Amino acid sequence: MKSVKTVEQAVITAFAKRRKELGYSYEKIGELSGLHRTSISLIERGKIQPTLVACLKIAEALEVKLEDLIRKGR
């Protein structure tokens, strides 16, 4: 079983990949998720740890289920 940190990093990497696939900026994800664009950037760069609620909001903005991203990271 992978560590929590490894799964967290995999989910954050999946967020970034999906955001780029959609061609969305940090600002666009911020608008869709209700989070500040700076927070999105800091999360993607691993500077801050997102809360579960923030992860759910980002996943929804990215049109993907958080559960699927977690499974990919395991």
C-alpha atoms as a PDB file:
ATOM      1  CA  MET A   1       0.000   0.000   0.000  1.00  0.00           C
ATOM      2  CA  LYS A   2       1.325   3.422  -0.934  1.00  0.00           C
ATOM      3  CA  SER A   3       1.780   6.097   1.669  1.00  0.00           C
ATOM      4  CA  VAL A   4      -0.790   8.867   2.074  1.00  0.00           C
ATOM      5  CA  LYS A   5       1.786  11.367   0.781  1.00  0.00           C
ATOM      6  CA  THR A   6       2.289   9.345  -2.414  1.00  0.00           C
ATOM      7  CA  VAL A   7      -1.455   9.125  -3.045  1.00  0.00           C
ATOM      8  CA  GLU A   8      -1.806  12.856  -2.348  1.00  0.00           C
ATOM      9  CA  GLN A   9       0.949  13.635  -4.851  1.00  0.00           C
ATOM     10  CA  ALA A  10      -0.664  11.384  -7.447  1.00  0.00           C
ATOM     11  CA  VAL A  11      -4.023  13.125  -7.025  1.00  0.00           C
ATOM     12  CA  ILE A  12      -2.413  16.564  -7.332  1.00  0.00           C
ATOM     13  CA  THR A  13      -0.540  15.430 -10.442  1.00  0.00           C
ATOM     14  CA  ALA A  14      -3.817  14.131 -11.879  1.00  0.00           C
ATOM     15  CA  PHE A  15      -5.450  17.503 -11.133  1.00  0.00           C
ATOM     16  CA  ALA A  16      -2.727  19.322 -13.065  1.00  0.00           C
ATOM     17  CA  LYS A  17      -2.881  16.877 -15.972  1.00  0.00           C
ATOM     18  CA  ARG A  18      -6.655  17.138 -16.248  1.00  0.00           C
ATOM     19  CA  ARG A  19      -6.569  20.948 -15.987  1.00  0.00           C
ATOM     20  CA  LYS A  20      -4.093  21.083 -18.862  1.00  0.00           C
ATOM     21  CA  GLU A  21      -6.133  18.585 -20.922  1.00  0.00           C
ATOM     22  CA  LEU A  22      -9.144  20.880 -20.595  1.00  0.00           C
ATOM     23  CA  GLY A  23      -7.020  23.932 -21.384  1.00  0.00           C
ATOM     24  CA  TYR A  24      -8.146  25.616 -18.171  1.00  0.00           C
ATOM     25  CA  SER A  25      -6.141  28.283 -16.390  1.00  0.00           C
ATOM     26  CA  TYR A  26      -5.837  28.528 -12.617  1.00  0.00           C
ATOM     27  CA  GLU A  27      -8.313  31.387 -12.848  1.00  0.00           C
ATOM     28  CA  LYS A  28     -10.872  29.239 -14.713  1.00  0.00           C
ATOM     29  CA  ILE A  29     -10.604  26.422 -12.156  1.00  0.00           C
ATOM     30  CA  GLY A  30     -10.902  29.027  -9.421  1.00  0.00           C
ATOM     31  CA  GLU A  31     -14.109  30.378 -10.950  1.00  0.00           C
ATOM     32  CA  LEU A  32     -15.590  26.914 -11.352  1.00  0.00           C
ATOM     33  CA  SER A  33     -14.559  25.662  -7.917  1.00  0.00           C
ATOM     34  CA  GLY A  34     -15.071  28.795  -5.849  1.00  0.00           C
ATOM     35  CA  LEU A  35     -11.424  28.701  -4.760  1.00  0.00           C
ATOM     36  CA  HIS A  36      -8.898  31.458  -5.382  1.00  0.00           C
ATOM     37  CA  ARG A  37      -6.629  30.939  -8.394  1.00  0.00           C
ATOM     38  CA  THR A  38      -3.597  31.375  -6.155  1.00  0.00           C
ATOM     39  CA  SER A  39      -4.791  28.470  -4.007  1.00  0.00           C
ATOM     40  CA  ILE A  40      -5.123  26.282  -7.091  1.00  0.00           C
ATOM     41  CA  SER A  41      -1.565  27.157  -8.116  1.00  0.00           C
ATOM     42  CA  LEU A  42      -0.181  26.510  -4.631  1.00  0.00           C
ATOM     43  CA  ILE A  43      -1.951  23.146  -4.448  1.00  0.00           C
ATOM     44  CA  GLU A  44      -0.626  22.043  -7.852  1.00  0.00           C
ATOM     45  CA  ARG A  45       2.905  23.039  -6.904  1.00  0.00           C
ATOM     46  CA  GLY A  46       2.679  21.194  -3.596  1.00  0.00           C
ATOM     47  CA  LYS A  47       3.132  24.358  -1.555  1.00  0.00           C
ATOM     48  CA  ILE A  48      -0.068  23.815   0.434  1.00  0.00           C
ATOM     49  CA  GLN A  49      -2.115  20.719   1.200  1.00  0.00           C
ATOM     50  CA  PRO A  50      -5.685  20.867  -0.016  1.00  0.00           C
ATOM     51  CA  THR A  51      -8.555  20.010   2.282  1.00  0.00           C
ATOM     52  CA  LEU A  52     -10.918  17.245   1.284  1.00  0.00           C
ATOM     53  CA  VAL A  53     -13.559  19.861   0.491  1.00  0.00           C
ATOM     54  CA  ALA A  54     -11.095  21.724  -1.772  1.00  0.00           C
ATOM     55  CA  CYS A  55     -10.237  18.462  -3.546  1.00  0.00           C
ATOM     56  CA  LEU A  56     -13.910  17.753  -4.133  1.00  0.00           C
ATOM     57  CA  LYS A  57     -14.479  21.261  -5.508  1.00  0.00           C
ATOM     58  CA  ILE A  58     -11.474  21.024  -7.823  1.00  0.00           C
ATOM     59  CA  ALA A  59     -12.504  17.584  -9.059  1.00  0.00           C
ATOM     60  CA  GLU A  60     -15.988  18.865  -9.809  1.00  0.00           C
ATOM     61  CA  ALA A  61     -14.541  21.845 -11.695  1.00  0.00           C
ATOM     62  CA  LEU A  62     -12.372  19.432 -13.679  1.00  0.00           C
ATOM     63  CA  GLU A  63     -15.396  17.251 -14.489  1.00  0.00           C
ATOM     64  CA  VAL A  64     -13.853  14.180 -12.879  1.00  0.00           C
ATOM     65  CA  LYS A  65     -14.699  12.107  -9.813  1.00  0.00           C
ATOM     66  CA  LEU A  66     -12.265  12.471  -6.946  1.00  0.00           C
ATOM     67  CA  GLU A  67     -12.624   8.739  -6.291  1.00  0.00           C
ATOM     68  CA  ASP A  68     -11.230   7.977  -9.745  1.00  0.00           C
ATOM     69  CA  LEU A  69      -8.185  10.175  -9.112  1.00  0.00           C
ATOM     70  CA  ILE A  70      -7.566   8.512  -5.765  1.00  0.00           C
ATOM     71  CA  ARG A  71      -7.773   5.055  -7.353  1.00  0.00           C
ATOM     72  CA  LYS A  72      -5.225   6.102  -9.963  1.00  0.00           C
ATOM     73  CA  GLY A  73      -2.900   7.263  -7.216  1.00  0.00           C
ATOM     74  CA  ARG A  74      -3.044   3.992  -5.284  1.00  0.00           C
END
